[in-house]
């Protein structure tokens, strides 16, 4: 008998938004200051790109 898999990872919602911007690191910092966003992780890219949650 197969066990059920969880389709949505823990801590995520059914809809997860994404933004694509040129200065991602600066945008993440702005969102933290302006909206009180909590940065869970950041994966910087080779230039000014980054991925953050």
Protein backbone atom coordinates (compact mmCIF):
# COMPACT_ATOMS: atom_id res chain seq x y z
CA UNK A 1 0.00 0.00 0.00
CA UNK A 2 1.34 3.43 -0.95
CA UNK A 3 1.69 6.13 1.66
CA UNK A 4 0.29 9.55 0.86
CA UNK A 5 2.78 12.23 -0.10
CA UNK A 6 2.47 15.79 1.04
CA UNK A 7 2.09 18.01 -2.04
CA UNK A 8 2.63 21.32 -0.23
CA UNK A 9 5.85 21.65 1.81
CA UNK A 10 5.48 22.59 5.48
CA UNK A 11 5.32 26.36 5.97
CA UNK A 12 4.15 27.02 2.40
CA UNK A 13 0.68 27.93 1.28
CA UNK A 14 -1.23 26.66 -1.71
CA UNK A 15 -0.27 29.84 -3.58
CA UNK A 16 3.27 31.16 -3.33
CA UNK A 17 4.01 34.45 -5.03
CA UNK A 18 7.25 35.28 -6.82
CA UNK A 19 8.83 38.53 -7.90
CA UNK A 20 11.49 38.86 -10.57
CA UNK A 21 13.47 42.08 -10.23
CA UNK A 22 16.90 43.33 -11.29
CA UNK A 23 18.24 44.25 -7.83
CA UNK A 24 16.88 41.32 -5.86
CA UNK A 25 19.11 41.73 -2.79
CA UNK A 26 18.15 45.41 -2.47
CA UNK A 27 14.48 44.52 -2.97
CA UNK A 28 14.63 41.91 -0.20
CA UNK A 29 16.24 44.47 2.14
CA UNK A 30 13.59 47.05 1.21
CA UNK A 31 10.75 44.61 1.94
CA UNK A 32 12.26 43.80 5.33
CA UNK A 33 12.47 47.49 6.28
CA UNK A 34 9.24 48.74 4.70
CA UNK A 35 6.87 45.88 5.47
CA UNK A 36 8.52 44.04 8.35
CA UNK A 37 9.03 41.00 6.12
CA UNK A 38 10.92 38.11 7.68
CA UNK A 39 13.76 36.76 5.59
CA UNK A 40 13.89 32.97 5.89
CA UNK A 41 16.81 32.40 3.53
CA UNK A 42 18.80 34.02 0.75
CA UNK A 43 20.76 32.45 -2.09
CA UNK A 44 22.89 35.14 -3.74
CA UNK A 45 23.68 34.83 -7.44
CA UNK A 46 26.90 35.62 -9.30
CA UNK A 47 25.88 39.24 -9.91
CA UNK A 48 23.26 41.28 -8.05
CA UNK A 49 20.67 38.53 -8.39
CA UNK A 50 19.39 36.62 -5.39
CA UNK A 51 16.65 34.27 -4.39
CA UNK A 52 15.02 34.76 -1.04
CA UNK A 53 12.13 33.45 0.98
